[in-house]
Structures are given as structure tokens and as C-alpha cells.
């Protein structure tokens, strides 16, 4: 059923011989129009250069320490609550770091 439907659809495409089903063009189905998005590789590379190592260092020192505290001092029923609370603090850190970067960009753009 699906094969017959696909064959019928294929033969109705522009550039396809209705008798044999062979394509005369480079593709069987019409392609959607493509748009090119301007590349922001420098923006991504700059962001990685500015933030990645510093954030990873904090991440690699922050979480192991809190997990040691979690498994050593927190009772099992309270561990999820503890980690969630610590995660909120870590997210605040990430937001502050992003805001700091934004302020730095604004100052650089103004030339101060």
C-alpha cells in the first residue's frame, strides 16, 4: 500500500518520467528552500575562550566537594533536597557570571 502510494507520488514530481519513474534531475522530491544563517563562529569561539575553562574549574571543584558533604553528612531521605538547593546556588553563580560577561561587553562596546 505505501510502496504504491510512494511510487505514484514519485512519478508526479517535476523532472520525473511518468512512464518509467526515472528522474531526469538531481533529486526525486522537490527540496525545501534553504536559507543561510550568518555564521557566528567567532562569537561561539570567543564565548568558549572567555568562559569555558573558568566555569569548568569551578564546576570540577564545586560539585565533588558538595557530593562529599552530601554522602557523608546528609541523611538519605534528605539528599535530593540538599542537592537541589545546592543546584539553585550553582545556577545563581552561572547567572552572575553571565551578567558579569554582559556588563563587560557593554563597557567594551562603549569604549570605557
N, C-alpha and C. Protein backbone atom coordinates (compact mmCIF):
# COMPACT_ATOMS: atom_id res chain seq x y z
N UNK A 1 0.82 -1.19 0.00
CA UNK A 1 0.00 0.00 0.00
C UNK A 1 0.87 1.26 0.00
N UNK A 2 1.85 1.33 0.93
CA UNK A 2 2.69 2.51 1.00
C UNK A 2 3.63 2.61 -0.19
N UNK A 3 4.11 1.46 -0.69
CA UNK A 3 5.01 1.47 -1.83
C UNK A 3 4.29 2.02 -3.05
N UNK A 4 3.06 1.58 -3.28
CA UNK A 4 2.29 2.07 -4.43
C UNK A 4 2.05 3.57 -4.30
N UNK A 5 1.72 4.03 -3.10
CA UNK A 5 1.50 5.46 -2.89
C UNK A 5 2.77 6.26 -3.15
N UNK A 6 3.90 5.74 -2.66
CA UNK A 6 5.16 6.44 -2.85
C UNK A 6 5.56 6.48 -4.32
N UNK A 7 5.32 5.39 -5.03
CA UNK A 7 5.63 5.35 -6.46
C UNK A 7 4.78 6.37 -7.22
N UNK A 8 3.49 6.43 -6.88
CA UNK A 8 2.59 7.38 -7.53
C UNK A 8 3.05 8.81 -7.24
N UNK A 9 3.44 9.08 -5.99
CA UNK A 9 3.92 10.39 -5.60
C UNK A 9 5.21 10.73 -6.34
N UNK A 10 6.10 9.75 -6.41
CA UNK A 10 7.39 9.95 -7.06
C UNK A 10 7.20 10.30 -8.53
N UNK A 11 6.29 9.60 -9.20
CA UNK A 11 6.07 9.83 -10.63
C UNK A 11 5.39 11.16 -10.90
N UNK A 12 4.74 11.73 -9.92
CA UNK A 12 4.06 13.01 -10.13
C UNK A 12 4.98 14.20 -9.87
N UNK A 13 6.22 13.93 -9.46
CA UNK A 13 7.16 15.01 -9.17
C UNK A 13 7.70 15.61 -10.46
N UNK A 14 7.99 16.91 -10.44
CA UNK A 14 8.59 17.53 -11.64
C UNK A 14 9.94 16.90 -11.93
N UNK A 15 10.25 16.73 -13.20
CA UNK A 15 11.53 16.15 -13.60
C UNK A 15 11.52 14.65 -13.59
N UNK A 16 10.37 14.02 -13.42
CA UNK A 16 10.28 12.57 -13.36
C UNK A 16 9.45 12.09 -14.55
N UNK A 17 9.94 11.06 -15.23
CA UNK A 17 9.20 10.49 -16.36
C UNK A 17 8.03 9.69 -15.81
N UNK A 18 6.77 10.07 -16.16
CA UNK A 18 5.61 9.39 -15.59
C UNK A 18 5.50 7.92 -15.99
N UNK A 19 6.14 7.53 -17.09
CA UNK A 19 6.06 6.14 -17.55
C UNK A 19 7.00 5.23 -16.77
N UNK A 20 8.24 5.66 -16.61
CA UNK A 20 9.25 4.80 -16.00
C UNK A 20 9.52 5.12 -14.54
N UNK A 21 9.23 6.35 -14.13
CA UNK A 21 9.50 6.75 -12.76
C UNK A 21 10.93 7.20 -12.56
N UNK A 22 11.71 7.27 -13.65
CA UNK A 22 13.10 7.71 -13.54
C UNK A 22 13.16 9.22 -13.46
N UNK A 23 14.10 9.69 -12.67
CA UNK A 23 14.25 11.14 -12.53
C UNK A 23 15.19 11.65 -13.60
N UNK A 24 14.92 12.85 -14.02
CA UNK A 24 15.77 13.49 -15.00
C UNK A 24 16.66 14.54 -14.35
N UNK A 25 16.33 14.87 -13.11
CA UNK A 25 17.10 15.89 -12.39
C UNK A 25 18.02 15.26 -11.38
N UNK A 26 18.48 16.07 -10.47
CA UNK A 26 19.42 15.60 -9.46
C UNK A 26 18.73 15.02 -8.24
N UNK A 27 17.42 15.19 -8.13
CA UNK A 27 16.72 14.66 -6.97
C UNK A 27 15.29 14.29 -7.37
N UNK A 28 14.69 13.43 -6.58
CA UNK A 28 13.34 12.95 -6.87
C UNK A 28 12.29 13.91 -6.34
N UNK A 29 12.44 14.30 -5.10
CA UNK A 29 11.45 15.15 -4.45
C UNK A 29 11.92 16.60 -4.46
N UNK A 30 11.01 17.53 -4.63
CA UNK A 30 11.44 18.92 -4.57
C UNK A 30 11.96 19.25 -3.17
N UNK A 31 12.96 20.04 -3.12
CA UNK A 31 13.57 20.37 -1.83
C UNK A 31 13.00 21.67 -1.30
N UNK A 32 12.98 21.75 0.00
CA UNK A 32 12.52 22.98 0.64
C UNK A 32 13.55 24.07 0.41
N UNK A 33 13.10 25.29 0.27
CA UNK A 33 14.08 26.37 0.10
C UNK A 33 14.96 26.47 1.33
N UNK A 34 16.21 26.71 1.10
CA UNK A 34 17.14 26.80 2.22
C UNK A 34 17.53 28.25 2.42
N UNK A 35 17.74 28.58 3.65
CA UNK A 35 18.23 29.91 3.97
C UNK A 35 19.55 29.74 4.68
N UNK A 36 20.41 30.66 4.46
CA UNK A 36 21.70 30.58 5.14
C UNK A 36 21.66 31.50 6.34
N UNK A 37 22.06 30.96 7.45
CA UNK A 37 22.14 31.73 8.68
C UNK A 37 23.56 32.23 8.81
N UNK A 38 23.74 33.51 9.06
CA UNK A 38 25.10 34.02 9.20
C UNK A 38 25.85 33.26 10.29
N UNK A 39 27.04 32.90 9.98
CA UNK A 39 27.86 32.14 10.93
C UNK A 39 28.32 33.02 12.07
N UNK A 40 28.17 32.53 13.27
CA UNK A 40 28.65 33.27 14.43
C UNK A 40 29.73 32.45 15.13
N UNK A 41 30.61 31.87 14.32
CA UNK A 41 31.67 31.04 14.90
C UNK A 41 32.58 31.84 15.82
N UNK A 42 32.85 33.07 15.47
CA UNK A 42 33.72 33.88 16.33
C UNK A 42 33.03 34.13 17.66
N UNK A 43 31.72 34.36 17.63
CA UNK A 43 31.00 34.57 18.87
C UNK A 43 31.06 33.37 19.77
N UNK A 44 30.88 32.19 19.20
CA UNK A 44 30.94 30.96 19.98
C UNK A 44 32.36 30.70 20.46
N UNK A 45 33.34 30.87 19.56
CA UNK A 45 34.73 30.65 19.96
C UNK A 45 35.14 31.63 21.06
N UNK A 46 34.71 32.88 20.92
CA UNK A 46 35.04 33.87 21.94
C UNK A 46 34.41 33.53 23.28
N UNK A 47 33.16 33.06 23.23
CA UNK A 47 32.48 32.69 24.47
C UNK A 47 33.20 31.50 25.12
N UNK A 48 33.58 30.51 24.32
CA UNK A 48 34.29 29.36 24.87
C UNK A 48 35.63 29.78 25.45
N UNK A 49 36.35 30.64 24.71
CA UNK A 49 37.65 31.10 25.22
C UNK A 49 37.50 31.87 26.53
N UNK A 50 36.46 32.70 26.61
CA UNK A 50 36.28 33.53 27.81
C UNK A 50 35.78 32.77 29.02
N UNK A 51 34.86 31.84 28.81
CA UNK A 51 34.12 31.27 29.93
C UNK A 51 34.36 29.79 30.21
N UNK A 52 34.69 29.02 29.22
CA UNK A 52 34.68 27.57 29.40
C UNK A 52 35.61 27.09 30.50
N UNK A 53 36.87 27.44 30.41
CA UNK A 53 37.82 26.91 31.40
C UNK A 53 37.51 27.37 32.82
N UNK A 54 37.17 28.63 32.97
CA UNK A 54 36.83 29.14 34.30
C UNK A 54 35.62 28.44 34.88
N UNK A 55 34.59 28.26 34.05
CA UNK A 55 33.37 27.59 34.52
C UNK A 55 33.64 26.13 34.83
N UNK A 56 34.43 25.46 33.98
CA UNK A 56 34.75 24.05 34.25
C UNK A 56 35.55 23.88 35.53
N UNK A 57 36.49 24.78 35.78
CA UNK A 57 37.28 24.70 37.02
C UNK A 57 36.38 24.82 38.25
N UNK A 58 35.46 25.78 38.20
CA UNK A 58 34.52 25.93 39.33
C UNK A 58 33.65 24.69 39.44
N UNK A 59 33.16 24.21 38.29
CA UNK A 59 32.31 23.02 38.28
C UNK A 59 33.03 21.81 38.88
N UNK A 60 34.28 21.59 38.48
CA UNK A 60 35.02 20.43 38.95
C UNK A 60 35.47 20.54 40.41
N UNK A 61 35.50 21.73 40.96
CA UNK A 61 35.83 21.85 42.38
C UNK A 61 34.57 21.95 43.24
N UNK A 62 33.54 22.55 42.70
CA UNK A 62 32.30 22.78 43.44
C UNK A 62 31.55 21.47 43.69
N UNK A 63 31.24 20.73 42.64
CA UNK A 63 30.38 19.56 42.80
C UNK A 63 31.01 18.42 43.59
N UNK A 64 32.25 18.05 43.37
CA UNK A 64 32.81 16.97 44.20
C UNK A 64 32.78 17.30 45.69
N UNK A 65 33.08 18.55 46.04
CA UNK A 65 33.06 18.93 47.45
C UNK A 65 31.65 18.78 48.04
N UNK A 66 30.64 19.24 47.30
CA UNK A 66 29.28 19.15 47.82
C UNK A 66 28.75 17.72 47.83
N UNK A 67 29.24 16.90 46.91
CA UNK A 67 28.82 15.49 46.94
C UNK A 67 29.46 14.75 48.12
N UNK A 68 30.69 15.10 48.46
CA UNK A 68 31.31 14.50 49.65
C UNK A 68 30.50 14.87 50.88
N UNK A 69 30.15 16.16 50.99
CA UNK A 69 29.32 16.57 52.12
C UNK A 69 27.97 15.86 52.11
N UNK A 70 27.41 15.72 50.92
CA UNK A 70 26.10 15.08 50.76
C UNK A 70 26.13 13.64 51.29
N UNK A 71 27.10 12.87 50.82
CA UNK A 71 27.11 11.46 51.20
C UNK A 71 27.67 11.22 52.60
N UNK A 72 28.41 12.18 53.13
CA UNK A 72 28.97 11.99 54.48
C UNK A 72 28.02 12.47 55.58
N UNK A 73 27.34 13.60 55.37
CA UNK A 73 26.60 14.20 56.47
C UNK A 73 25.09 14.28 56.28
N UNK A 74 24.58 14.11 55.10
CA UNK A 74 23.15 14.27 54.85
C UNK A 74 22.48 12.90 54.89
N UNK A 75 21.38 12.83 55.57
CA UNK A 75 20.61 11.58 55.65
C UNK A 75 20.03 11.24 54.28
N UNK A 76 19.94 9.95 53.94
CA UNK A 76 19.44 9.56 52.61
C UNK A 76 18.10 10.19 52.19
N UNK A 77 17.11 10.30 53.07
CA UNK A 77 15.86 10.91 52.60
C UNK A 77 15.99 12.40 52.23
N UNK A 78 17.02 13.06 52.75
CA UNK A 78 17.18 14.50 52.51
C UNK A 78 18.19 14.83 51.41
N UNK A 79 18.80 13.83 50.81
CA UNK A 79 19.86 14.08 49.84
C UNK A 79 19.38 14.81 48.59
N UNK A 80 18.22 14.44 48.08
CA UNK A 80 17.70 15.09 46.87
C UNK A 80 17.42 16.57 47.15
N UNK A 81 16.82 16.85 48.29
CA UNK A 81 16.54 18.24 48.66
C UNK A 81 17.84 19.04 48.78
N UNK A 82 18.85 18.45 49.40
CA UNK A 82 20.14 19.11 49.56
C UNK A 82 20.77 19.43 48.20
N UNK A 83 20.82 18.44 47.32
CA UNK A 83 21.44 18.64 46.01
C UNK A 83 20.65 19.67 45.20
N UNK A 84 19.32 19.64 45.30
CA UNK A 84 18.53 20.64 44.59
C UNK A 84 18.80 22.04 45.11
N UNK A 85 18.94 22.19 46.41
CA UNK A 85 19.25 23.50 46.98
C UNK A 85 20.63 23.97 46.52
N UNK A 86 21.60 23.08 46.51
CA UNK A 86 22.94 23.43 46.05
C UNK A 86 22.90 23.77 44.56
N UNK A 87 22.09 23.06 43.79
CA UNK A 87 21.96 23.34 42.36
C UNK A 87 21.43 24.76 42.12
N UNK A 88 20.50 25.19 42.95
CA UNK A 88 19.99 26.57 42.83
C UNK A 88 21.13 27.56 43.06
N UNK A 89 21.96 27.32 44.06
CA UNK A 89 23.11 28.20 44.31
C UNK A 89 24.08 28.20 43.13
N UNK A 90 24.32 27.04 42.56
CA UNK A 90 25.22 26.94 41.41
C UNK A 90 24.63 27.68 40.21
N UNK A 91 23.33 27.59 40.02
CA UNK A 91 22.68 28.30 38.92
C UNK A 91 22.78 29.82 39.12
N UNK A 92 22.67 30.27 40.36
CA UNK A 92 22.85 31.69 40.66
C UNK A 92 24.26 32.12 40.26
N UNK A 93 25.25 31.29 40.59
CA UNK A 93 26.63 31.57 40.19
C UNK A 93 26.74 31.72 38.68
N UNK A 94 26.13 30.79 37.93
CA UNK A 94 26.21 30.85 36.47
C UNK A 94 25.53 32.11 35.93
N UNK A 95 24.41 32.48 36.51
CA UNK A 95 23.71 33.69 36.07
C UNK A 95 24.56 34.92 36.36
N UNK A 96 25.17 34.98 37.53
CA UNK A 96 26.01 36.12 37.86
C UNK A 96 27.22 36.20 36.93
N UNK A 97 27.78 35.06 36.60
CA UNK A 97 28.92 35.04 35.67
C UNK A 97 28.49 35.54 34.30
N UNK A 98 27.31 35.12 33.83
CA UNK A 98 26.81 35.59 32.53
C UNK A 98 26.52 37.09 32.58
N UNK A 99 25.96 37.58 33.69
CA UNK A 99 25.68 39.01 33.83
C UNK A 99 26.98 39.81 33.84
N UNK A 100 27.99 39.28 34.50
CA UNK A 100 29.29 39.95 34.54
C UNK A 100 29.87 40.05 33.14
N UNK A 101 29.73 38.99 32.37
CA UNK A 101 30.22 38.99 30.99
C UNK A 101 29.44 40.02 30.16
N UNK A 102 28.12 40.10 30.39
CA UNK A 102 27.31 41.08 29.67
C UNK A 102 27.71 42.50 29.99
N UNK A 103 27.99 42.79 31.26
CA UNK A 103 28.43 44.13 31.65
C UNK A 103 29.78 44.46 31.01
N UNK A 104 30.66 43.47 30.98
CA UNK A 104 31.97 43.67 30.37
C UNK A 104 31.82 43.99 28.89
N UNK A 105 30.91 43.28 28.21
CA UNK A 105 30.65 43.54 26.80
C UNK A 105 30.13 44.96 26.59
N UNK A 106 29.22 45.41 27.47
CA UNK A 106 28.66 46.75 27.35
C UNK A 106 29.75 47.81 27.53
N UNK A 107 30.62 47.61 28.50
CA UNK A 107 31.70 48.57 28.74
C UNK A 107 32.64 48.59 27.55
N UNK A 108 32.97 47.41 26.99
CA UNK A 108 33.84 47.33 25.84
C UNK A 108 33.21 48.01 24.62
N UNK A 109 31.91 47.86 24.46
CA UNK A 109 31.20 48.45 23.32
C UNK A 109 31.19 49.97 23.42
N UNK A 110 31.10 50.50 24.64
CA UNK A 110 31.10 51.96 24.84
C UNK A 110 32.49 52.54 24.78
N UNK A 111 33.50 51.70 24.92
CA UNK A 111 34.88 52.17 24.88
C UNK A 111 35.36 52.80 26.16
N UNK A 112 34.78 52.41 27.26
CA UNK A 112 35.19 52.97 28.56
C UNK A 112 36.37 52.23 29.12
